[in-house]
Amino acid sequence: MEIRPVGTDAAALASYERLFRACFPGASHLNAAYLQWLYARNPAGAVIGCDAWEGERLAAHYVCVPAQAVVGGRAMRVMLSLNTATHPDFQGKGLFTRLADATYQLGAQAGVGAVYGVANANSTPGFLRKLGFTLVRPLDARVGFGRIERAAPAAEADGFRRDWSQAALQWRIANPQRGYRLVRAGAGAIGAEAATGKPGLRAWDELALPAGMQAPAQAPAWAMRLHLGLRPGGERPQGLWFEIPQRLRPSPLNMIFRPLAEGVAVPAADSVRLGQLDFDAF
């Protein structure tokens, strides 16, 4: 079995699309257009990851998506743990662990300070036991109306937050499978909303207006909002929001974190600002 860095050319993306079809027959969104957007067009850089090849067969695949963030008050490059797949013929051989270890080595060599992810209840234990991640905190899941922030985000004190540039934000909302619409959300802030597939319910996130970017003039849709994420301790929504009971959630989600560089610490659970734009829920 040969471990190689991932590629982003047309041939590589086609091989990943075939692997995803074999592993996840119902995941039609994992197509060439989506992979081209996610893997090759990110202003923060192409994906970092590794493949396992058995001769000419792609046995397994794992990638992380580079991003800029502030961790413990320091600006740094991080990456989001994202797509992974192992062909049914090669499962049970420990390939994901090998690919993850190799990927994190590549990330550290590229100056990445940490890797974070949002894992479901089934996959979280493996990340913690086998890959050295720490559970930061289960994500909040809320529905409601109005702003999720009380005021414009005061992000400088956060233990973790994504640092969105205008270019990165424009790329993020252009997801060909589920695009976001940027809307006004108050002084110094910007809102982002997307369809959820459920009538009358919109995915909602808020962040500080990126430097040099003009606030959008569009008003948000009049609909109930869904927010998945974390807010620093002590912040309460400005609007009317309700926590979704655990029994009504399809699968609870957890933020996980692993430092890759010296001096990087796991953020405290009450110091994280995380929303749907920062991972792949919508």
C-alpha atoms as a PDB file:
ATOM      1  CA  MET A   1       0.000   0.000   0.000  1.00  0.00           C
ATOM      2  CA  GLU A   2       1.481   3.344  -1.087  1.00  0.00           C
ATOM      3  CA  ILE A   3       0.614   6.613   0.683  1.00  0.00           C
ATOM      4  CA  ARG A   4       0.721   9.700  -1.568  1.00  0.00           C
ATOM      5  CA  PRO A   5      -0.280  13.372  -1.191  1.00  0.00           C
ATOM      6  CA  VAL A   6      -3.655  14.204  -2.717  1.00  0.00           C
ATOM      7  CA  GLY A   7      -3.973  15.847  -6.117  1.00  0.00           C
ATOM      8  CA  THR A   8      -6.345  18.500  -7.413  1.00  0.00           C
ATOM      9  CA  ASP A   9      -6.135  17.974 -11.179  1.00  0.00           C
ATOM     10  CA  ALA A  10      -9.051  16.612 -13.193  1.00  0.00           C
ATOM     11  CA  ALA A  11      -7.824  13.010 -13.077  1.00  0.00           C
ATOM     12  CA  ALA A  12      -7.391  13.083  -9.297  1.00  0.00           C
ATOM     13  CA  LEU A  13     -10.807  14.645  -8.720  1.00  0.00           C
ATOM     14  CA  ALA A  14     -12.416  12.035 -10.973  1.00  0.00           C
ATOM     15  CA  SER A  15     -10.812   9.250  -8.930  1.00  0.00           C
ATOM     16  CA  TYR A  16     -12.136  10.806  -5.712  1.00  0.00           C
ATOM     17  CA  GLU A  17     -15.618  11.116  -7.179  1.00  0.00           C
ATOM     18  CA  ARG A  18     -15.566   7.403  -8.068  1.00  0.00           C
ATOM     19  CA  LEU A  19     -14.396   6.483  -4.560  1.00  0.00           C
ATOM     20  CA  PHE A  20     -17.126   8.579  -2.939  1.00  0.00           C
ATOM     21  CA  ARG A  21     -19.757   6.932  -5.150  1.00  0.00           C
ATOM     22  CA  ALA A  22     -18.532   3.491  -4.067  1.00  0.00           C
ATOM     23  CA  CYS A  23     -18.497   4.440  -0.376  1.00  0.00           C
ATOM     24  CA  PHE A  24     -21.531   6.741  -0.189  1.00  0.00           C
ATOM     25  CA  PRO A  25     -23.990   5.868  -3.003  1.00  0.00           C
ATOM     26  CA  GLY A  26     -26.512   8.470  -1.826  1.00  0.00           C
ATOM     27  CA  ALA A  27     -24.059  11.383  -1.539  1.00  0.00           C
ATOM     28  CA  SER A  28     -24.718  12.944  -4.942  1.00  0.00           C
ATOM     29  CA  HIS A  29     -23.222  16.279  -3.835  1.00  0.00           C
ATOM     30  CA  LEU A  30     -19.697  14.791  -3.846  1.00  0.00           C
ATOM     31  CA  ASN A  31     -19.331  15.396  -7.573  1.00  0.00           C
ATOM     32  CA  ALA A  32     -16.646  16.949  -9.777  1.00  0.00           C
ATOM     33  CA  ALA A  33     -17.984  20.515  -9.559  1.00  0.00           C
ATOM     34  CA  TYR A  34     -18.123  20.428  -5.766  1.00  0.00           C
ATOM     35  CA  LEU A  35     -14.678  18.846  -5.460  1.00  0.00           C
ATOM     36  CA  GLN A  36     -13.149  21.384  -7.854  1.00  0.00           C
ATOM     37  CA  TRP A  37     -14.570  24.221  -5.740  1.00  0.00           C
ATOM     38  CA  LEU A  38     -13.560  22.715  -2.398  1.00  0.00           C
ATOM     39  CA  TYR A  39     -10.197  21.197  -3.283  1.00  0.00           C
ATOM     40  CA  ALA A  40      -8.691  23.662  -5.752  1.00  0.00           C
ATOM     41  CA  ARG A  41     -10.300  27.112  -5.525  1.00  0.00           C
ATOM     42  CA  ASN A  42      -9.961  27.986  -1.835  1.00  0.00           C
ATOM     43  CA  PRO A  43      -8.053  31.304  -1.503  1.00  0.00           C
ATOM     44  CA  ALA A  44      -6.364  29.870   1.609  1.00  0.00           C
ATOM     45  CA  GLY A  45      -4.805  27.124  -0.502  1.00  0.00           C
ATOM     46  CA  ALA A  46      -5.515  23.707  -1.967  1.00  0.00           C
ATOM     47  CA  VAL A  47      -6.568  20.893   0.329  1.00  0.00           C
ATOM     48  CA  ILE A  48      -3.920  19.079   2.342  1.00  0.00           C
ATOM     49  CA  GLY A  49      -4.313  15.326   2.507  1.00  0.00           C
ATOM     50  CA  CYS A  50      -3.194  11.859   1.506  1.00  0.00           C
ATOM     51  CA  ASP A  51      -4.368   8.897  -0.557  1.00  0.00           C
ATOM     52  CA  ALA A  52      -3.698   5.178  -0.148  1.00  0.00           C
ATOM     53  CA  TRP A  53      -3.095   3.342  -3.416  1.00  0.00           C
ATOM     54  CA  GLU A  54      -2.991  -0.420  -3.959  1.00  0.00           C
ATOM     55  CA  GLY A  55      -1.411  -0.568  -7.385  1.00  0.00           C
ATOM     56  CA  GLU A  56      -3.774   1.368  -9.646  1.00  0.00           C
ATOM     57  CA  ARG A  57      -6.680   1.235  -7.182  1.00  0.00           C
ATOM     58  CA  LEU A  58      -7.496   4.143  -4.890  1.00  0.00           C
ATOM     59  CA  ALA A  59      -8.107   2.430  -1.555  1.00  0.00           C
ATOM     60  CA  ALA A  60      -8.639   5.400   0.772  1.00  0.00           C
ATOM     61  CA  HIS A  61      -8.634   9.188   0.801  1.00  0.00           C
ATOM     62  CA  TYR A  62      -8.508  11.943   3.439  1.00  0.00           C
ATOM     63  CA  VAL A  63      -8.285  15.728   3.143  1.00  0.00           C
ATOM     64  CA  CYS A  64      -8.257  18.808   5.348  1.00  0.00           C
ATOM     65  CA  VAL A  65      -9.207  22.297   4.154  1.00  0.00           C
ATOM     66  CA  PRO A  66      -6.766  25.161   4.941  1.00  0.00           C
ATOM     67  CA  ALA A  67      -8.096  28.300   6.607  1.00  0.00           C
ATOM     68  CA  GLN A  68      -7.016  31.336   8.575  1.00  0.00           C
ATOM     69  CA  ALA A  69      -7.997  31.535  12.233  1.00  0.00           C
ATOM     70  CA  VAL A  70      -7.207  33.172  15.531  1.00  0.00           C
ATOM     71  CA  VAL A  71      -6.273  30.656  18.233  1.00  0.00           C
ATOM     72  CA  GLY A  72      -5.492  31.849  21.728  1.00  0.00           C
ATOM     73  CA  GLY A  73      -5.268  35.417  20.445  1.00  0.00           C
ATOM     74  CA  ARG A  74      -2.747  34.497  17.721  1.00  0.00           C
ATOM     75  CA  ALA A  75      -3.420  34.601  13.991  1.00  0.00           C
ATOM     76  CA  MET A  76      -2.395  31.342  12.365  1.00  0.00           C
ATOM     77  CA  ARG A  77      -3.052  28.918   9.564  1.00  0.00           C
ATOM     78  CA  VAL A  78      -5.287  26.005  10.549  1.00  0.00           C
ATOM     79  CA  MET A  79      -7.099  23.275   8.672  1.00  0.00           C
ATOM     80  CA  LEU A  80     -10.559  21.751   8.878  1.00  0.00           C
ATOM     81  CA  SER A  81     -10.703  17.957   8.939  1.00  0.00           C
ATOM     82  CA  LEU A  82     -13.242  17.052   6.279  1.00  0.00           C
ATOM     83  CA  ASN A  83     -13.612  14.404   3.584  1.00  0.00           C
ATOM     84  CA  THR A  84     -12.569  10.828   4.263  1.00  0.00           C
ATOM     85  CA  ALA A  85     -13.463   7.593   2.509  1.00  0.00           C
ATOM     86  CA  THR A  86     -12.150   4.016   2.451  1.00  0.00           C
ATOM     87  CA  HIS A  87     -13.240   1.679  -0.332  1.00  0.00           C
ATOM     88  CA  PRO A  88     -15.338  -1.240   0.985  1.00  0.00           C
ATOM     89  CA  ASP A  89     -12.673  -3.696  -0.234  1.00  0.00           C
ATOM     90  CA  PHE A  90     -10.049  -2.097   2.025  1.00  0.00           C
ATOM     91  CA  GLN A  91     -11.956  -1.294   5.193  1.00  0.00           C
ATOM     92  CA  GLY A  92     -10.744  -2.575   8.547  1.00  0.00           C
ATOM     93  CA  LYS A  93      -7.054  -2.196   7.668  1.00  0.00           C
ATOM     94  CA  GLY A  94      -6.330   0.992   9.607  1.00  0.00           C
ATOM     95  CA  LEU A  95      -5.902   3.109   6.480  1.00  0.00           C
ATOM     96  CA  PHE A  96      -7.705   6.164   7.816  1.00  0.00           C
ATOM     97  CA  THR A  97      -5.345   6.390  10.796  1.00  0.00           C
ATOM     98  CA  ARG A  98      -2.314   6.114   8.493  1.00  0.00           C
ATOM     99  CA  LEU A  99      -3.672   8.779   6.149  1.00  0.00           C
ATOM    100  CA  ALA A 100      -4.547  11.106   9.016  1.00  0.00           C
ATOM    101  CA  ASP A 101      -1.084  10.839  10.577  1.00  0.00           C
ATOM    102  CA  ALA A 102       0.551  11.530   7.207  1.00  0.00           C
ATOM    103  CA  THR A 103      -1.816  14.446   6.549  1.00  0.00           C
ATOM    104  CA  TYR A 104      -1.064  16.120   9.867  1.00  0.00           C
ATOM    105  CA  GLN A 105       2.668  15.791   9.191  1.00  0.00           C
ATOM    106  CA  LEU A 106       2.159  17.515   5.831  1.00  0.00           C
ATOM    107  CA  GLY A 107       0.110  20.214   7.523  1.00  0.00           C
ATOM    108  CA  ALA A 108       2.754  20.885  10.154  1.00  0.00           C
ATOM    109  CA  GLN A 109       5.418  21.085   7.434  1.00  0.00           C
ATOM    110  CA  ALA A 110       3.244  23.643   5.599  1.00  0.00           C
ATOM    111  CA  GLY A 111       3.039  25.880   8.670  1.00  0.00           C
ATOM    112  CA  VAL A 112      -0.388  24.790   9.882  1.00  0.00           C
ATOM    113  CA  GLY A 113      -0.728  25.397  13.621  1.00  0.00           C
ATOM    114  CA  ALA A 114      -3.734  23.197  14.376  1.00  0.00           C
ATOM    115  CA  VAL A 115      -6.432  20.999  12.894  1.00  0.00           C
ATOM    116  CA  TYR A 116     -10.051  21.196  14.007  1.00  0.00           C
ATOM    117  CA  GLY A 117     -13.188  19.401  13.037  1.00  0.00           C
ATOM    118  CA  VAL A 118     -16.847  18.805  13.745  1.00  0.00           C
ATOM    119  CA  ALA A 119     -17.500  15.108  14.306  1.00  0.00           C
ATOM    120  CA  ASN A 120     -20.694  13.202  14.959  1.00  0.00           C
ATOM    121  CA  ALA A 121     -21.243  10.958  17.954  1.00  0.00           C
ATOM    122  CA  ASN A 122     -20.074   7.839  16.098  1.00  0.00           C
ATOM    123  CA  SER A 123     -16.779   9.209  14.783  1.00  0.00           C
ATOM    124  CA  THR A 124     -15.743  11.355  17.761  1.00  0.00           C
ATOM    125  CA  PRO A 125     -14.295   8.490  19.879  1.00  0.00           C
ATOM    126  CA  GLY A 126     -11.964   7.420  17.055  1.00  0.00           C
ATOM    127  CA  PHE A 127     -10.587  10.932  16.640  1.00  0.00           C
ATOM    128  CA  LEU A 128      -9.976  11.168  20.384  1.00  0.00           C
ATOM    129  CA  ARG A 129      -8.445   7.713  20.943  1.00  0.00           C
ATOM    130  CA  LYS A 130      -6.493   7.155  17.742  1.00  0.00           C
ATOM    131  CA  LEU A 131      -5.619  10.593  16.389  1.00  0.00           C
ATOM    132  CA  GLY A 132      -4.851  12.694  19.454  1.00  0.00           C
ATOM    133  CA  PHE A 133      -7.782  15.107  19.238  1.00  0.00           C
ATOM    134  CA  THR A 134      -9.402  16.734  22.258  1.00  0.00           C
ATOM    135  CA  LEU A 135     -13.145  17.209  22.600  1.00  0.00           C
ATOM    136  CA  VAL A 136     -13.731  20.945  22.969  1.00  0.00           C
ATOM    137  CA  ARG A 137     -17.487  20.878  23.432  1.00  0.00           C
ATOM    138  CA  PRO A 138     -20.704  19.576  21.856  1.00  0.00           C
ATOM    139  CA  LEU A 139     -22.214  22.107  19.466  1.00  0.00           C
ATOM    140  CA  ASP A 140     -25.284  24.101  20.360  1.00  0.00           C
ATOM    141  CA  ALA A 141     -28.274  23.665  18.059  1.00  0.00           C
ATOM    142  CA  ARG A 142     -30.824  26.469  18.169  1.00  0.00           C
ATOM    143  CA  VAL A 143     -33.832  27.674  16.244  1.00  0.00           C
ATOM    144  CA  GLY A 144     -35.321  31.122  16.509  1.00  0.00           C
ATOM    145  CA  PHE A 145     -35.602  34.623  15.165  1.00  0.00           C
ATOM    146  CA  GLY A 146     -33.310  37.637  15.195  1.00  0.00           C
ATOM    147  CA  ARG A 147     -29.584  37.846  15.750  1.00  0.00           C
ATOM    148  CA  ILE A 148     -27.585  35.082  17.350  1.00  0.00           C
ATOM    149  CA  GLU A 149     -25.108  37.715  18.616  1.00  0.00           C
ATOM    150  CA  ARG A 150     -26.038  40.447  21.075  1.00  0.00           C
ATOM    151  CA  ALA A 151     -23.850  42.947  19.209  1.00  0.00           C
ATOM    152  CA  ALA A 152     -21.129  42.979  16.555  1.00  0.00           C
ATOM    153  CA  PRO A 153     -18.782  40.070  17.386  1.00  0.00           C
ATOM    154  CA  ALA A 154     -15.962  41.114  19.727  1.00  0.00           C
ATOM    155  CA  ALA A 155     -13.642  38.425  18.459  1.00  0.00           C
ATOM    156  CA  GLU A 156     -10.241  39.546  19.729  1.00  0.00           C
ATOM    157  CA  ALA A 157     -10.609  37.656  23.024  1.00  0.00           C
ATOM    158  CA  ASP A 158     -11.668  34.339  21.480  1.00  0.00           C
ATOM    159  CA  GLY A 159      -9.773  31.123  22.088  1.00  0.00           C
ATOM    160  CA  PHE A 160     -10.781  30.043  18.585  1.00  0.00           C
ATOM    161  CA  ARG A 161     -12.460  31.788  15.686  1.00  0.00           C
ATOM    162  CA  ARG A 162     -12.120  31.705  11.939  1.00  0.00           C
ATOM    163  CA  ASP A 163     -10.587  34.850  10.449  1.00  0.00           C
ATOM    164  CA  TRP A 164     -12.569  35.402   7.263  1.00  0.00           C
ATOM    165  CA  SER A 165     -11.175  37.619   4.521  1.00  0.00           C
ATOM    166  CA  GLN A 166     -13.483  38.961   1.829  1.00  0.00           C
ATOM    167  CA  ALA A 167     -11.998  36.565  -0.735  1.00  0.00           C
ATOM    168  CA  ALA A 168     -12.372  33.554   1.547  1.00  0.00           C
ATOM    169  CA  LEU A 169     -15.949  34.466   2.438  1.00  0.00           C
ATOM    170  CA  GLN A 170     -16.949  34.937  -1.200  1.00  0.00           C
ATOM    171  CA  TRP A 171     -15.448  31.533  -1.957  1.00  0.00           C
ATOM    172  CA  ARG A 172     -17.236  29.890   0.962  1.00  0.00           C
ATOM    173  CA  ILE A 173     -20.704  31.115   0.005  1.00  0.00           C
ATOM    174  CA  ALA A 174     -20.194  29.954  -3.599  1.00  0.00           C
ATOM    175  CA  ASN A 175     -20.492  26.260  -2.700  1.00  0.00           C
ATOM    176  CA  PRO A 176     -22.069  24.825  -5.885  1.00  0.00           C
ATOM    177  CA  GLN A 177     -24.152  22.378  -3.848  1.00  0.00           C
ATOM    178  CA  ARG A 178     -25.531  24.775  -1.252  1.00  0.00           C
ATOM    179  CA  GLY A 179     -24.722  28.442  -1.630  1.00  0.00           C
ATOM    180  CA  TYR A 180     -25.186  31.053   1.065  1.00  0.00           C
ATOM    181  CA  ARG A 181     -26.685  34.505   0.642  1.00  0.00           C
ATOM    182  CA  LEU A 182     -25.005  37.372   2.487  1.00  0.00           C
ATOM    183  CA  VAL A 183     -27.409  39.775   4.188  1.00  0.00           C
ATOM    184  CA  ARG A 184     -27.240  42.711   6.531  1.00  0.00           C
ATOM    185  CA  ALA A 185     -27.068  41.927  10.239  1.00  0.00           C
ATOM    186  CA  GLY A 186     -26.228  45.125  12.091  1.00  0.00           C
ATOM    187  CA  ALA A 187     -23.273  47.454  12.509  1.00  0.00           C
ATOM    188  CA  GLY A 188     -19.935  45.752  11.898  1.00  0.00           C
ATOM    189  CA  ALA A 189     -21.520  42.375  11.247  1.00  0.00           C
ATOM    190  CA  ILE A 190     -22.705  40.315   8.321  1.00  0.00           C
ATOM    191  CA  GLY A 191     -25.314  37.573   8.140  1.00  0.00           C
ATOM    192  CA  ALA A 192     -25.282  34.464   5.969  1.00  0.00           C
ATOM    193  CA  GLU A 193     -28.324  32.322   5.257  1.00  0.00           C
ATOM    194  CA  ALA A 194     -28.925  29.167   3.256  1.00  0.00           C
ATOM    195  CA  ALA A 195     -31.716  26.747   2.505  1.00  0.00           C
ATOM    196  CA  THR A 196     -32.067  23.761   4.825  1.00  0.00           C
ATOM    197  CA  GLY A 197     -34.417  21.693   2.714  1.00  0.00           C
ATOM    198  CA  LYS A 198     -37.224  22.360   5.184  1.00  0.00           C
ATOM    199  CA  PRO A 199     -39.884  24.980   4.315  1.00  0.00           C
ATOM    200  CA  GLY A 200     -39.760  28.092   6.468  1.00  0.00           C
ATOM    201  CA  LEU A 201     -36.384  27.245   8.033  1.00  0.00           C
ATOM    202  CA  ARG A 202     -33.093  28.896   7.006  1.00  0.00           C
ATOM    203  CA  ALA A 203     -29.570  28.065   8.153  1.00  0.00           C
ATOM    204  CA  TRP A 204     -28.149  31.190   9.791  1.00  0.00           C
ATOM    205  CA  ASP A 205     -24.678  32.387  10.746  1.00  0.00           C
ATOM    206  CA  GLU A 206     -23.144  35.740  11.707  1.00  0.00           C
ATOM    207  CA  LEU A 207     -19.598  37.039  11.666  1.00  0.00           C
ATOM    208  CA  ALA A 208     -17.643  40.251  11.822  1.00  0.00           C
ATOM    209  CA  LEU A 209     -17.609  42.167   8.545  1.00  0.00           C
ATOM    210  CA  PRO A 210     -14.255  41.382   6.855  1.00  0.00           C
ATOM    211  CA  ALA A 211     -11.836  44.280   6.439  1.00  0.00           C
ATOM    212  CA  GLY A 212     -12.469  46.283   3.273  1.00  0.00           C
ATOM    213  CA  MET A 213     -15.802  44.603   2.578  1.00  0.00           C
ATOM    214  CA  GLN A 214     -18.970  46.619   2.188  1.00  0.00           C
ATOM    215  CA  ALA A 215     -21.957  45.479   4.222  1.00  0.00           C
ATOM    216  CA  PRO A 216     -24.611  43.832   2.037  1.00  0.00           C
ATOM    217  CA  ALA A 217     -27.791  45.787   1.364  1.00  0.00           C
ATOM    218  CA  GLN A 218     -30.021  42.710   1.117  1.00  0.00           C
ATOM    219  CA  ALA A 219     -32.386  42.061   3.989  1.00  0.00           C
ATOM    220  CA  PRO A 220     -32.551  38.559   5.465  1.00  0.00           C
ATOM    221  CA  ALA A 221     -35.450  36.298   4.583  1.00  0.00           C
ATOM    222  CA  TRP A 222     -38.435  36.308   6.916  1.00  0.00           C
ATOM    223  CA  ALA A 223     -38.142  32.766   8.234  1.00  0.00           C
ATOM    224  CA  MET A 224     -37.232  30.820  11.325  1.00  0.00           C
ATOM    225  CA  ARG A 225     -33.470  30.401  11.651  1.00  0.00           C
ATOM    226  CA  LEU A 226     -31.317  27.398  12.490  1.00  0.00           C
ATOM    227  CA  HIS A 227     -27.881  27.907  14.012  1.00  0.00           C
ATOM    228  CA  LEU A 228     -25.357  25.152  14.732  1.00  0.00           C
ATOM    229  CA  GLY A 229     -22.193  26.197  16.501  1.00  0.00           C
ATOM    230  CA  LEU A 230     -20.624  27.680  19.599  1.00  0.00           C
ATOM    231  CA  ARG A 231     -20.507  31.139  21.108  1.00  0.00           C
ATOM    232  CA  PRO A 232     -18.148  32.384  23.853  1.00  0.00           C
ATOM    233  CA  GLY A 233     -19.401  32.008  27.415  1.00  0.00           C
ATOM    234  CA  GLY A 234     -21.646  34.774  28.631  1.00  0.00           C
ATOM    235  CA  GLU A 235     -22.970  35.757  25.184  1.00  0.00           C
ATOM    236  CA  ARG A 236     -26.705  35.449  24.776  1.00  0.00           C
ATOM    237  CA  PRO A 237     -28.655  35.854  21.543  1.00  0.00           C
ATOM    238  CA  GLN A 238     -30.215  39.230  20.899  1.00  0.00           C
ATOM    239  CA  GLY A 239     -33.252  37.618  19.328  1.00  0.00           C
ATOM    240  CA  LEU A 240     -35.633  34.895  20.423  1.00  0.00           C
ATOM    241  CA  TRP A 241     -33.849  31.531  20.277  1.00  0.00           C
ATOM    242  CA  PHE A 242     -34.560  28.056  21.637  1.00  0.00           C
ATOM    243  CA  GLU A 243     -32.180  25.147  22.170  1.00  0.00           C
ATOM    244  CA  ILE A 244     -33.175  22.008  20.236  1.00  0.00           C
ATOM    245  CA  PRO A 245     -33.539  19.080  22.677  1.00  0.00           C
ATOM    246  CA  GLN A 246     -30.956  16.304  22.260  1.00  0.00           C
ATOM    247  CA  ARG A 247     -33.650  13.726  21.511  1.00  0.00           C
ATOM    248  CA  LEU A 248     -34.756  15.721  18.463  1.00  0.00           C
ATOM    249  CA  ARG A 249     -31.294  16.050  16.902  1.00  0.00           C
ATOM    250  CA  PRO A 250     -30.429  13.522  14.159  1.00  0.00           C
ATOM    251  CA  SER A 251     -26.846  13.205  15.437  1.00  0.00           C
ATOM    252  CA  PRO A 252     -25.197  15.397  18.068  1.00  0.00           C
ATOM    253  CA  LEU A 253     -22.095  17.175  16.761  1.00  0.00           C
ATOM    254  CA  ASN A 254     -18.855  17.828  18.623  1.00  0.00           C
ATOM    255  CA  MET A 255     -16.042  20.295  18.007  1.00  0.00           C
ATOM    256  CA  ILE A 256     -12.666  18.551  18.204  1.00  0.00           C
ATOM    257  CA  PHE A 257      -9.190  20.100  18.098  1.00  0.00           C
ATOM    258  CA  ARG A 258      -5.568  18.994  17.786  1.00  0.00           C
ATOM    259  CA  PRO A 259      -2.537  21.315  17.980  1.00  0.00           C
ATOM    260  CA  LEU A 260       0.136  20.717  15.330  1.00  0.00           C
ATOM    261  CA  ALA A 261       2.694  23.338  16.385  1.00  0.00           C
ATOM    262  CA  GLU A 262       4.554  24.144  19.572  1.00  0.00           C
ATOM    263  CA  GLY A 263       2.819  26.637  21.825  1.00  0.00           C
ATOM    264  CA  VAL A 264      -0.677  26.023  20.427  1.00  0.00           C
ATOM    265  CA  ALA A 265      -3.194  25.029  23.100  1.00  0.00           C
ATOM    266  CA  VAL A 266      -6.645  23.505  22.878  1.00  0.00           C
ATOM    267  CA  PRO A 267      -9.126  26.389  23.306  1.00  0.00           C
ATOM    268  CA  ALA A 268     -11.297  26.509  26.387  1.00  0.00           C
ATOM    269  CA  ALA A 269     -14.850  25.354  25.763  1.00  0.00           C
ATOM    270  CA  ASP A 270     -16.294  28.776  26.602  1.00  0.00           C
ATOM    271  CA  SER A 271     -13.885  30.723  24.356  1.00  0.00           C
ATOM    272  CA  VAL A 272     -14.900  29.401  20.926  1.00  0.00           C
ATOM    273  CA  ARG A 273     -16.843  31.175  18.194  1.00  0.00           C
ATOM    274  CA  LEU A 274     -17.941  28.653  15.567  1.00  0.00           C
ATOM    275  CA  GLY A 275     -20.785  28.645  13.051  1.00  0.00           C
ATOM    276  CA  GLN A 276     -21.982  26.785   9.981  1.00  0.00           C
ATOM    277  CA  LEU A 277     -19.695  28.774   7.694  1.00  0.00           C
ATOM    278  CA  ASP A 278     -16.738  27.366   9.642  1.00  0.00           C
ATOM    279  CA  PHE A 279     -17.530  23.739   8.821  1.00  0.00           C
ATOM    280  CA  ASP A 280     -19.709  21.884   6.336  1.00  0.00           C
ATOM    281  CA  ALA A 281     -23.175  21.540   7.892  1.00  0.00           C
ATOM    282  CA  PHE A 282     -24.690  23.679   5.100  1.00  0.00           C
END
